[in-house]
Amino acid sequence: MQVVTPQARHQAGLTLSLAIGVTGSPQALSRLKAKLELAVEDALQDLSQQASNELGIEIGRCNIETSISQPERDGSASNWPPKSGSAEQQGVPAGTASSAPLKAGSCR
């Protein structure tokens, strides 16, 4: 008979920063921002299901922060994203944030 000892479960936070340089009208940028938020939520749903099934990891909450900001130099998308650091470290306002519990397959 083999005794299986349950492994200790640890809570941790993962942070992913993504800065994308784009050029377009404010309305188009707002639409892109909304589409990116939905795409990230959908991807997190899939990832949550995979993490639960394959890795035994439960993703508890997700917090998605998005913002639209202007580069300080010549205004071109080629100067964005900044070379180092996150948007917050560069003095960019955090923008909108959404936070929701993430159950296996759900981030909404």
PDB file of N, CA and C in Angstrom:
ATOM      1  N   MET A   1       0.841  -1.175   0.000  1.00  0.00           N
ATOM      2  CA  MET A   1       0.000   0.000   0.000  1.00  0.00           C
ATOM      3  C   MET A   1       0.888   1.241   0.000  1.00  0.00           C
ATOM      4  N   GLN A   2       0.572   2.151  -0.906  1.00  0.00           N
ATOM      5  CA  GLN A   2       1.356   3.381  -1.021  1.00  0.00           C
ATOM      6  C   GLN A   2       0.575   4.527  -0.389  1.00  0.00           C
ATOM      7  N   VAL A   3       1.242   5.277   0.457  1.00  0.00           N
ATOM      8  CA  VAL A   3       0.615   6.428   1.100  1.00  0.00           C
ATOM      9  C   VAL A   3       0.937   7.666   0.274  1.00  0.00           C
ATOM     10  N   VAL A   4      -0.105   8.364  -0.126  1.00  0.00           N
ATOM     11  CA  VAL A   4       0.081   9.586  -0.912  1.00  0.00           C
ATOM     12  C   VAL A   4      -0.089  10.776   0.017  1.00  0.00           C
ATOM     13  N   THR A   5       0.947  11.568   0.115  1.00  0.00           N
ATOM     14  CA  THR A   5       0.903  12.764   0.953  1.00  0.00           C
ATOM     15  C   THR A   5       0.528  13.952   0.083  1.00  0.00           C
ATOM     16  N   PRO A   6      -0.538  14.653   0.423  1.00  0.00           N
ATOM     17  CA  PRO A   6      -0.905  15.813  -0.396  1.00  0.00           C
ATOM     18  C   PRO A   6       0.175  16.887  -0.322  1.00  0.00           C
ATOM     19  N   GLN A   7       0.445  17.479  -1.454  1.00  0.00           N
ATOM     20  CA  GLN A   7       1.436  18.552  -1.486  1.00  0.00           C
ATOM     21  C   GLN A   7       0.807  19.832  -0.948  1.00  0.00           C
ATOM     22  N   ALA A   8       1.637  20.621  -0.313  1.00  0.00           N
ATOM     23  CA  ALA A   8       1.164  21.904   0.207  1.00  0.00           C
ATOM     24  C   ALA A   8       0.763  22.800  -0.956  1.00  0.00           C
ATOM     25  N   ARG A   9      -0.319  23.525  -0.779  1.00  0.00           N
ATOM     26  CA  ARG A   9      -0.784  24.434  -1.820  1.00  0.00           C
ATOM     27  C   ARG A   9      -0.352  25.842  -1.444  1.00  0.00           C
ATOM     28  N   HIS A  10       0.234  26.515  -2.394  1.00  0.00           N
ATOM     29  CA  HIS A  10       0.727  27.869  -2.177  1.00  0.00           C
ATOM     30  C   HIS A  10      -0.062  28.833  -3.037  1.00  0.00           C
ATOM     31  N   GLN A  11      -0.314  30.005  -2.490  1.00  0.00           N
ATOM     32  CA  GLN A  11      -0.938  31.061  -3.279  1.00  0.00           C
ATOM     33  C   GLN A  11       0.152  31.961  -3.813  1.00  0.00           C
ATOM     34  N   ALA A  12      -0.008  32.396  -5.034  1.00  0.00           N
ATOM     35  CA  ALA A  12       0.976  33.281  -5.649  1.00  0.00           C
ATOM     36  C   ALA A  12       0.257  34.195  -6.629  1.00  0.00           C
ATOM     37  N   GLY A  13       0.915  35.248  -6.980  1.00  0.00           N
ATOM     38  CA  GLY A  13       0.391  36.155  -7.990  1.00  0.00           C
ATOM     39  C   GLY A  13       1.316  36.173  -9.193  1.00  0.00           C
ATOM     40  N   LEU A  14       0.748  36.206 -10.358  1.00  0.00           N
ATOM     41  CA  LEU A  14       1.519  36.322 -11.586  1.00  0.00           C
ATOM     42  C   LEU A  14       1.158  37.644 -12.245  1.00  0.00           C
ATOM     43  N   THR A  15       2.157  38.358 -12.724  1.00  0.00           N
ATOM     44  CA  THR A  15       1.924  39.632 -13.396  1.00  0.00           C
ATOM     45  C   THR A  15       2.492  39.555 -14.800  1.00  0.00           C
ATOM     46  N   LEU A  16       1.699  39.977 -15.769  1.00  0.00           N
ATOM     47  CA  LEU A  16       2.129  40.039 -17.156  1.00  0.00           C
ATOM     48  C   LEU A  16       1.922  41.464 -17.631  1.00  0.00           C
ATOM     49  N   SER A  17       2.993  42.104 -18.075  1.00  0.00           N
ATOM     50  CA  SER A  17       2.895  43.462 -18.607  1.00  0.00           C
ATOM     51  C   SER A  17       3.047  43.398 -20.115  1.00  0.00           C
ATOM     52  N   LEU A  18       2.216  44.141 -20.812  1.00  0.00           N
ATOM     53  CA  LEU A  18       2.248  44.162 -22.266  1.00  0.00           C
ATOM     54  C   LEU A  18       2.028  45.592 -22.725  1.00  0.00           C
ATOM     55  N   ALA A  19       2.960  46.126 -23.486  1.00  0.00           N
ATOM     56  CA  ALA A  19       2.818  47.471 -24.053  1.00  0.00           C
ATOM     57  C   ALA A  19       2.863  47.328 -25.567  1.00  0.00           C
ATOM     58  N   ILE A  20       1.887  47.913 -26.246  1.00  0.00           N
ATOM     59  CA  ILE A  20       1.779  47.790 -27.693  1.00  0.00           C
ATOM     60  C   ILE A  20       1.781  49.183 -28.303  1.00  0.00           C
ATOM     61  N   GLY A  21       2.643  49.423 -29.279  1.00  0.00           N
ATOM     62  CA  GLY A  21       2.657  50.692 -29.999  1.00  0.00           C
ATOM     63  C   GLY A  21       1.672  50.649 -31.151  1.00  0.00           C
ATOM     64  N   VAL A  22       0.740  51.581 -31.194  1.00  0.00           N
ATOM     65  CA  VAL A  22      -0.267  51.626 -32.257  1.00  0.00           C
ATOM     66  C   VAL A  22      -0.437  53.058 -32.745  1.00  0.00           C
ATOM     67  N   THR A  23      -0.936  53.191 -33.953  1.00  0.00           N
ATOM     68  CA  THR A  23      -1.250  54.497 -34.520  1.00  0.00           C
ATOM     69  C   THR A  23      -2.681  54.446 -35.025  1.00  0.00           C
ATOM     70  N   GLY A  24      -3.485  55.437 -34.675  1.00  0.00           N
ATOM     71  CA  GLY A  24      -4.868  55.465 -35.141  1.00  0.00           C
ATOM     72  C   GLY A  24      -5.656  56.538 -34.430  1.00  0.00           C
ATOM     73  N   SER A  25      -6.907  56.665 -34.805  1.00  0.00           N
ATOM     74  CA  SER A  25      -7.778  57.668 -34.193  1.00  0.00           C
ATOM     75  C   SER A  25      -8.113  57.250 -32.764  1.00  0.00           C
ATOM     76  N   PRO A  26      -8.493  58.221 -31.924  1.00  0.00           N
ATOM     77  CA  PRO A  26      -8.880  57.872 -30.549  1.00  0.00           C
ATOM     78  C   PRO A  26     -10.025  56.861 -30.505  1.00  0.00           C
ATOM     79  N   GLN A  27     -10.980  56.982 -31.417  1.00  0.00           N
ATOM     80  CA  GLN A  27     -12.107  56.041 -31.437  1.00  0.00           C
ATOM     81  C   GLN A  27     -11.623  54.633 -31.784  1.00  0.00           C
ATOM     82  N   ALA A  28     -10.731  54.535 -32.774  1.00  0.00           N
ATOM     83  CA  ALA A  28     -10.202  53.224 -33.158  1.00  0.00           C
ATOM     84  C   ALA A  28      -9.385  52.617 -32.023  1.00  0.00           C
ATOM     85  N   LEU A  29      -8.609  53.450 -31.327  1.00  0.00           N
ATOM     86  CA  LEU A  29      -7.812  52.948 -30.203  1.00  0.00           C
ATOM     87  C   LEU A  29      -8.712  52.447 -29.081  1.00  0.00           C
ATOM     88  N   SER A  30      -9.809  53.145 -28.823  1.00  0.00           N
ATOM     89  CA  SER A  30     -10.751  52.699 -27.792  1.00  0.00           C
ATOM     90  C   SER A  30     -11.381  51.365 -28.170  1.00  0.00           C
ATOM     91  N   ARG A  31     -11.727  51.208 -29.444  1.00  0.00           N
ATOM     92  CA  ARG A  31     -12.302  49.935 -29.894  1.00  0.00           C
ATOM     93  C   ARG A  31     -11.271  48.809 -29.782  1.00  0.00           C
ATOM     94  N   LEU A  32     -10.027  49.114 -30.157  1.00  0.00           N
ATOM     95  CA  LEU A  32      -8.962  48.114 -30.039  1.00  0.00           C
ATOM     96  C   LEU A  32      -8.761  47.719 -28.582  1.00  0.00           C
ATOM     97  N   LYS A  33      -8.777  48.705 -27.688  1.00  0.00           N
ATOM     98  CA  LYS A  33      -8.616  48.445 -26.259  1.00  0.00           C
ATOM     99  C   LYS A  33      -9.712  47.499 -25.767  1.00  0.00           C
ATOM    100  N   ALA A  34     -10.951  47.756 -26.160  1.00  0.00           N
ATOM    101  CA  ALA A  34     -12.065  46.899 -25.749  1.00  0.00           C
ATOM    102  C   ALA A  34     -11.907  45.484 -26.304  1.00  0.00           C
ATOM    103  N   LYS A  35     -11.485  45.378 -27.561  1.00  0.00           N
ATOM    104  CA  LYS A  35     -11.284  44.061 -28.170  1.00  0.00           C
ATOM    105  C   LYS A  35     -10.151  43.302 -27.475  1.00  0.00           C
ATOM    106  N   LEU A  36      -9.082  44.010 -27.111  1.00  0.00           N
ATOM    107  CA  LEU A  36      -7.975  43.365 -26.401  1.00  0.00           C
ATOM    108  C   LEU A  36      -8.421  42.853 -25.033  1.00  0.00           C
ATOM    109  N   GLU A  37      -9.229  43.648 -24.324  1.00  0.00           N
ATOM    110  CA  GLU A  37      -9.728  43.210 -23.022  1.00  0.00           C
ATOM    111  C   GLU A  37     -10.533  41.923 -23.161  1.00  0.00           C
ATOM    112  N   LEU A  38     -11.422  41.874 -24.158  1.00  0.00           N
ATOM    113  CA  LEU A  38     -12.227  40.669 -24.372  1.00  0.00           C
ATOM    114  C   LEU A  38     -11.356  39.478 -24.764  1.00  0.00           C
ATOM    115  N   ALA A  39     -10.365  39.720 -25.612  1.00  0.00           N
ATOM    116  CA  ALA A  39      -9.472  38.637 -26.039  1.00  0.00           C
ATOM    117  C   ALA A  39      -8.688  38.076 -24.856  1.00  0.00           C
ATOM    118  N   VAL A  40      -8.229  38.959 -23.967  1.00  0.00           N
ATOM    119  CA  VAL A  40      -7.484  38.508 -22.787  1.00  0.00           C
ATOM    120  C   VAL A  40      -8.401  37.712 -21.863  1.00  0.00           C
ATOM    121  N   GLU A  41      -9.635  38.181 -21.668  1.00  0.00           N
ATOM    122  CA  GLU A  41     -10.579  37.440 -20.835  1.00  0.00           C
ATOM    123  C   GLU A  41     -10.840  36.051 -21.410  1.00  0.00           C
ATOM    124  N   ASP A  42     -11.042  35.978 -22.735  1.00  0.00           N
ATOM    125  CA  ASP A  42     -11.273  34.677 -23.370  1.00  0.00           C
ATOM    126  C   ASP A  42     -10.063  33.763 -23.209  1.00  0.00           C
ATOM    127  N   ALA A  43      -8.873  34.320 -23.409  1.00  0.00           N
ATOM    128  CA  ALA A  43      -7.652  33.525 -23.270  1.00  0.00           C
ATOM    129  C   ALA A  43      -7.492  33.028 -21.832  1.00  0.00           C
ATOM    130  N   LEU A  44      -7.830  33.874 -20.860  1.00  0.00           N
ATOM    131  CA  LEU A  44      -7.729  33.465 -19.459  1.00  0.00           C
ATOM    132  C   LEU A  44      -8.718  32.358 -19.127  1.00  0.00           C
ATOM    133  N   GLN A  45      -9.882  32.392 -19.748  1.00  0.00           N
ATOM    134  CA  GLN A  45     -10.845  31.307 -19.533  1.00  0.00           C
ATOM    135  C   GLN A  45     -10.248  29.981 -19.988  1.00  0.00           C
ATOM    136  N   ASP A  46      -9.693  29.973 -21.196  1.00  0.00           N
ATOM    137  CA  ASP A  46      -9.075  28.753 -21.720  1.00  0.00           C
ATOM    138  C   ASP A  46      -7.897  28.322 -20.852  1.00  0.00           C
ATOM    139  N   LEU A  47      -7.063  29.278 -20.482  1.00  0.00           N
ATOM    140  CA  LEU A  47      -5.893  28.977 -19.664  1.00  0.00           C
ATOM    141  C   LEU A  47      -6.298  28.436 -18.298  1.00  0.00           C
ATOM    142  N   SER A  48      -7.353  28.990 -17.728  1.00  0.00           N
ATOM    143  CA  SER A  48      -7.822  28.526 -16.431  1.00  0.00           C
ATOM    144  C   SER A  48      -8.247  27.066 -16.496  1.00  0.00           C
ATOM    145  N   GLN A  49      -8.964  26.720 -17.548  1.00  0.00           N
ATOM    146  CA  GLN A  49      -9.404  25.331 -17.715  1.00  0.00           C
ATOM    147  C   GLN A  49      -8.204  24.404 -17.876  1.00  0.00           C
ATOM    148  N   GLN A  50      -7.236  24.809 -18.701  1.00  0.00           N
ATOM    149  CA  GLN A  50      -6.038  23.996 -18.907  1.00  0.00           C
ATOM    150  C   GLN A  50      -5.221  23.880 -17.623  1.00  0.00           C
ATOM    151  N   ALA A  51      -5.073  24.992 -16.909  1.00  0.00           N
ATOM    152  CA  ALA A  51      -4.297  24.973 -15.668  1.00  0.00           C
ATOM    153  C   ALA A  51      -4.934  24.035 -14.651  1.00  0.00           C
ATOM    154  N   SER A  52      -6.253  24.052 -14.602  1.00  0.00           N
ATOM    155  CA  SER A  52      -6.954  23.183 -13.668  1.00  0.00           C
ATOM    156  C   SER A  52      -6.803  21.714 -14.057  1.00  0.00           C
ATOM    157  N   ASN A  53      -7.033  21.420 -15.329  1.00  0.00           N
ATOM    158  CA  ASN A  53      -7.001  20.023 -15.787  1.00  0.00           C
ATOM    159  C   ASN A  53      -5.596  19.441 -15.849  1.00  0.00           C
ATOM    160  N   GLU A  54      -4.652  20.203 -16.369  1.00  0.00           N
ATOM    161  CA  GLU A  54      -3.319  19.664 -16.640  1.00  0.00           C
ATOM    162  C   GLU A  54      -2.326  19.873 -15.502  1.00  0.00           C
ATOM    163  N   LEU A  55      -2.469  20.974 -14.775  1.00  0.00           N
ATOM    164  CA  LEU A  55      -1.458  21.313 -13.779  1.00  0.00           C
ATOM    165  C   LEU A  55      -1.966  21.263 -12.343  1.00  0.00           C
ATOM    166  N   GLY A  56      -3.266  21.132 -12.169  1.00  0.00           N
ATOM    167  CA  GLY A  56      -3.823  21.148 -10.830  1.00  0.00           C
ATOM    168  C   GLY A  56      -3.757  22.516 -10.180  1.00  0.00           C
ATOM    169  N   ILE A  57      -3.746  23.557 -11.010  1.00  0.00           N
ATOM    170  CA  ILE A  57      -3.660  24.933 -10.511  1.00  0.00           C
ATOM    171  C   ILE A  57      -5.024  25.592 -10.653  1.00  0.00           C
ATOM    172  N   GLU A  58      -5.463  26.243  -9.598  1.00  0.00           N
ATOM    173  CA  GLU A  58      -6.716  26.983  -9.644  1.00  0.00           C
ATOM    174  C   GLU A  58      -6.401  28.469  -9.729  1.00  0.00           C
ATOM    175  N   ILE A  59      -6.924  29.120 -10.747  1.00  0.00           N
ATOM    176  CA  ILE A  59      -6.748  30.561 -10.893  1.00  0.00           C
ATOM    177  C   ILE A  59      -7.936  31.220 -10.210  1.00  0.00           C
ATOM    178  N   GLY A  60      -7.662  31.993  -9.159  1.00  0.00           N
ATOM    179  CA  GLY A  60      -8.725  32.544  -8.333  1.00  0.00           C
ATOM    180  C   GLY A  60      -9.317  33.842  -8.832  1.00  0.00           C
ATOM    181  N   ARG A  61      -8.490  34.811  -9.144  1.00  0.00           N
ATOM    182  CA  ARG A  61      -8.983  36.112  -9.595  1.00  0.00           C
ATOM    183  C   ARG A  61      -8.082  36.606 -10.705  1.00  0.00           C
ATOM    184  N   CYS A  62      -8.674  37.377 -11.598  1.00  0.00           N
ATOM    185  CA  CYS A  62      -7.863  38.036 -12.612  1.00  0.00           C
ATOM    186  C   CYS A  62      -8.160  39.525 -12.555  1.00  0.00           C
ATOM    187  N   ASN A  63      -7.168  40.316 -12.795  1.00  0.00           N
ATOM    188  CA  ASN A  63      -7.299  41.764 -12.793  1.00  0.00           C
ATOM    189  C   ASN A  63      -6.689  42.265 -14.094  1.00  0.00           C
ATOM    190  N   ILE A  64      -7.520  42.797 -14.964  1.00  0.00           N
ATOM    191  CA  ILE A  64      -7.058  43.269 -16.264  1.00  0.00           C
ATOM    192  C   ILE A  64      -7.053  44.789 -16.239  1.00  0.00           C
ATOM    193  N   GLU A  65      -5.884  45.380 -16.441  1.00  0.00           N
ATOM    194  CA  GLU A  65      -5.758  46.836 -16.487  1.00  0.00           C
ATOM    195  C   GLU A  65      -5.329  47.254 -17.881  1.00  0.00           C
ATOM    196  N   THR A  66      -6.046  48.216 -18.435  1.00  0.00           N
ATOM    197  CA  THR A  66      -5.693  48.723 -19.761  1.00  0.00           C
ATOM    198  C   THR A  66      -5.679  50.234 -19.735  1.00  0.00           C
ATOM    199  N   SER A  67      -4.865  50.829 -20.568  1.00  0.00           N
ATOM    200  CA  SER A  67      -4.830  52.283 -20.682  1.00  0.00           C
ATOM    201  C   SER A  67      -4.381  52.658 -22.083  1.00  0.00           C
ATOM    202  N   ILE A  68      -4.769  53.838 -22.482  1.00  0.00           N
ATOM    203  CA  ILE A  68      -4.299  54.409 -23.742  1.00  0.00           C
ATOM    204  C   ILE A  68      -3.506  55.645 -23.370  1.00  0.00           C
ATOM    205  N   SER A  69      -2.274  55.719 -23.819  1.00  0.00           N
ATOM    206  CA  SER A  69      -1.432  56.862 -23.492  1.00  0.00           C
ATOM    207  C   SER A  69      -0.626  57.257 -24.713  1.00  0.00           C
ATOM    208  N   GLN A  70      -0.127  58.466 -24.685  1.00  0.00           N
ATOM    209  CA  GLN A  70       0.623  59.016 -25.809  1.00  0.00           C
ATOM    210  C   GLN A  70       2.112  58.939 -25.524  1.00  0.00           C
ATOM    211  N   PRO A  71       2.923  58.533 -26.522  1.00  0.00           N
ATOM    212  CA  PRO A  71       4.375  58.592 -26.332  1.00  0.00           C
ATOM    213  C   PRO A  71       4.815  60.044 -26.226  1.00  0.00           C
ATOM    214  N   GLU A  72       5.871  60.284 -25.467  1.00  0.00           N
ATOM    215  CA  GLU A  72       6.303  61.661 -25.221  1.00  0.00           C
ATOM    216  C   GLU A  72       7.160  62.236 -26.334  1.00  0.00           C
ATOM    217  N   ARG A  73       7.760  61.405 -27.158  1.00  0.00           N
ATOM    218  CA  ARG A  73       8.705  61.917 -28.151  1.00  0.00           C
ATOM    219  C   ARG A  73       7.984  62.495 -29.358  1.00  0.00           C
ATOM    220  N   ASP A  74       8.081  61.835 -30.504  1.00  0.00           N
ATOM    221  CA  ASP A  74       7.514  62.392 -31.724  1.00  0.00           C
ATOM    222  C   ASP A  74       6.103  61.902 -32.011  1.00  0.00           C
ATOM    223  N   GLY A  75       5.514  61.137 -31.104  1.00  0.00           N
ATOM    224  CA  GLY A  75       4.141  60.694 -31.275  1.00  0.00           C
ATOM    225  C   GLY A  75       3.983  59.462 -32.148  1.00  0.00           C
ATOM    226  N   SER A  76       5.066  58.878 -32.627  1.00  0.00           N
ATOM    227  CA  SER A  76       4.932  57.714 -33.500  1.00  0.00           C
ATOM    228  C   SER A  76       4.867  56.432 -32.683  1.00  0.00           C
ATOM    229  N   ALA A  77       4.199  55.446 -33.246  1.00  0.00           N
ATOM    230  CA  ALA A  77       4.072  54.160 -32.563  1.00  0.00           C
ATOM    231  C   ALA A  77       5.421  53.474 -32.416  1.00  0.00           C
ATOM    232  N   SER A  78       6.401  53.864 -33.228  1.00  0.00           N
ATOM    233  CA  SER A  78       7.711  53.215 -33.140  1.00  0.00           C
ATOM    234  C   SER A  78       8.430  53.552 -31.837  1.00  0.00           C
ATOM    235  N   ASN A  79       8.025  54.610 -31.157  1.00  0.00           N
ATOM    236  CA  ASN A  79       8.634  54.974 -29.873  1.00  0.00           C
ATOM    237  C   ASN A  79       7.937  54.298 -28.698  1.00  0.00           C
ATOM    238  N   TRP A  80       6.953  53.508 -28.958  1.00  0.00           N
ATOM    239  CA  TRP A  80       6.188  52.841 -27.921  1.00  0.00           C
ATOM    240  C   TRP A  80       6.208  51.380 -28.234  1.00  0.00           C
ATOM    241  N   PRO A  81       6.407  50.471 -27.379  1.00  0.00           N
ATOM    242  CA  PRO A  81       6.428  50.603 -25.934  1.00  0.00           C
ATOM    243  C   PRO A  81       7.750  51.139 -25.417  1.00  0.00           C
ATOM    244  N   PRO A  82       7.750  51.599 -24.164  1.00  0.00           N
ATOM    245  CA  PRO A  82       8.991  52.094 -23.578  1.00  0.00           C
ATOM    246  C   PRO A  82      10.032  50.985 -23.529  1.00  0.00           C
ATOM    247  N   LYS A  83      11.286  51.381 -23.505  1.00  0.00           N
ATOM    248  CA  LYS A  83      12.396  50.422 -23.543  1.00  0.00           C
ATOM    249  C   LYS A  83      12.429  49.509 -22.318  1.00  0.00           C
ATOM    250  N   SER A  84      12.113  50.049 -21.142  1.00  0.00           N
ATOM    251  CA  SER A  84      12.154  49.213 -19.944  1.00  0.00           C
ATOM    252  C   SER A  84      11.107  49.681 -18.958  1.00  0.00           C
ATOM    253  N   GLY A  85      10.715  48.775 -18.095  1.00  0.00           N
ATOM    254  CA  GLY A  85       9.760  49.101 -17.050  1.00  0.00           C
ATOM    255  C   GLY A  85       8.333  49.008 -17.552  1.00  0.00           C
ATOM    256  N   SER A  86       7.420  48.996 -16.627  1.00  0.00           N
ATOM    257  CA  SER A  86       6.012  48.899 -16.976  1.00  0.00           C
ATOM    258  C   SER A  86       5.452  50.278 -17.267  1.00  0.00           C
ATOM    259  N   ALA A  87       4.232  50.297 -17.762  1.00  0.00           N
ATOM    260  CA  ALA A  87       3.577  51.566 -18.052  1.00  0.00           C
ATOM    261  C   ALA A  87       3.455  52.405 -16.786  1.00  0.00           C
ATOM    262  N   GLU A  88       3.152  51.749 -15.667  1.00  0.00           N
ATOM    263  CA  GLU A  88       3.029  52.491 -14.423  1.00  0.00           C
ATOM    264  C   GLU A  88       4.368  53.093 -14.013  1.00  0.00           C
ATOM    265  N   GLN A  89       5.472  52.363 -14.249  1.00  0.00           N
ATOM    266  CA  GLN A  89       6.784  52.886 -13.902  1.00  0.00           C
ATOM    267  C   GLN A  89       7.169  54.049 -14.804  1.00  0.00           C
ATOM    268  N   GLN A  90       6.583  54.130 -15.986  1.00  0.00           N
ATOM    269  CA  GLN A  90       6.879  55.214 -16.908  1.00  0.00           C
ATOM    270  C   GLN A  90       5.984  56.430 -16.664  1.00  0.00           C
ATOM    271  N   GLY A  91       5.151  56.390 -15.634  1.00  0.00           N
ATOM    272  CA  GLY A  91       4.286  57.517 -15.327  1.00  0.00           C
ATOM    273  C   GLY A  91       2.994  57.508 -16.115  1.00  0.00           C
ATOM    274  N   VAL A  92       2.639  56.390 -16.710  1.00  0.00           N
ATOM    275  CA  VAL A  92       1.405  56.279 -17.469  1.00  0.00           C
ATOM    276  C   VAL A  92       0.294  55.910 -16.503  1.00  0.00           C
ATOM    277  N   PRO A  93      -0.847  56.596 -16.576  1.00  0.00           N
ATOM    278  CA  PRO A  93      -1.940  56.246 -15.675  1.00  0.00           C
ATOM    279  C   PRO A  93      -2.427  54.826 -15.930  1.00  0.00           C
ATOM    280  N   ALA A  94      -2.921  54.190 -14.883  1.00  0.00           N
ATOM    281  CA  ALA A  94      -3.319  52.790 -14.977  1.00  0.00           C
ATOM    282  C   ALA A  94      -4.508  52.578 -15.901  1.00  0.00           C
ATOM    283  N   GLY A  95      -5.358  53.565 -16.102  1.00  0.00           N
ATOM    284  CA  GLY A  95      -6.500  53.392 -16.991  1.00  0.00           C
ATOM    285  C   GLY A  95      -7.596  52.610 -16.300  1.00  0.00           C
ATOM    286  N   THR A  96      -8.335  51.840 -17.084  1.00  0.00           N
ATOM    287  CA  THR A  96      -9.428  51.085 -16.505  1.00  0.00           C
ATOM    288  C   THR A  96      -8.929  49.752 -16.006  1.00  0.00           C
ATOM    289  N   ALA A  97      -9.609  49.256 -15.021  1.00  0.00           N
ATOM    290  CA  ALA A  97      -9.245  47.949 -14.490  1.00  0.00           C
ATOM    291  C   ALA A  97     -10.512  47.162 -14.254  1.00  0.00           C
ATOM    292  N   SER A  98     -10.448  45.886 -14.534  1.00  0.00           N
ATOM    293  CA  SER A  98     -11.559  45.022 -14.190  1.00  0.00           C
ATOM    294  C   SER A  98     -11.000  43.853 -13.406  1.00  0.00           C
ATOM    295  N   SER A  99     -11.735  43.444 -12.418  1.00  0.00           N
ATOM    296  CA  SER A  99     -11.300  42.334 -11.592  1.00  0.00           C
ATOM    297  C   SER A  99     -12.484  41.406 -11.419  1.00  0.00           C
ATOM    298  N   ALA A 100     -12.254  40.132 -11.632  1.00  0.00           N
ATOM    299  CA  ALA A 100     -13.345  39.178 -11.513  1.00  0.00           C
ATOM    300  C   ALA A 100     -12.795  37.856 -11.014  1.00  0.00           C
ATOM    301  N   PRO A 101     -13.624  37.109 -10.287  1.00  0.00           N
ATOM    302  CA  PRO A 101     -13.178  35.782  -9.893  1.00  0.00           C
ATOM    303  C   PRO A 101     -13.015  34.927 -11.137  1.00  0.00           C
ATOM    304  N   LEU A 102     -12.032  34.081 -11.136  1.00  0.00           N
ATOM    305  CA  LEU A 102     -11.785  33.204 -12.280  1.00  0.00           C
ATOM    306  C   LEU A 102     -11.952  31.773 -11.826  1.00  0.00           C
ATOM    307  N   LYS A 103     -13.015  31.162 -12.242  1.00  0.00           N
ATOM    308  CA  LYS A 103     -13.237  29.760 -11.944  1.00  0.00           C
ATOM    309  C   LYS A 103     -12.870  28.986 -13.199  1.00  0.00           C
ATOM    310  N   ALA A 104     -12.682  27.710 -13.076  1.00  0.00           N
ATOM    311  CA  ALA A 104     -12.256  26.910 -14.226  1.00  0.00           C
ATOM    312  C   ALA A 104     -13.115  27.262 -15.432  1.00  0.00           C
ATOM    313  N   GLY A 105     -12.555  28.041 -16.319  1.00  0.00           N
ATOM    314  CA  GLY A 105     -13.247  28.406 -17.546  1.00  0.00           C
ATOM    315  C   GLY A 105     -14.012  29.706 -17.490  1.00  0.00           C
ATOM    316  N   SER A 106     -13.913  30.496 -16.424  1.00  0.00           N
ATOM    317  CA  SER A 106     -14.694  31.733 -16.367  1.00  0.00           C
ATOM    318  C   SER A 106     -13.904  32.865 -15.750  1.00  0.00           C
ATOM    319  N   CYS A 107     -13.847  33.988 -16.455  1.00  0.00           N
ATOM    320  CA  CYS A 107     -13.185  35.178 -15.928  1.00  0.00           C
ATOM    321  C   CYS A 107     -14.130  36.362 -15.980  1.00  0.00           C
ATOM    322  N   ARG A 108     -15.380  36.150 -16.307  1.00  0.00           N
ATOM    323  CA  ARG A 108     -16.317  37.279 -16.445  1.00  0.00           C
ATOM    324  C   ARG A 108     -17.194  37.403 -15.243  1.00  0.00           C
TER     325      ARG A 108
END
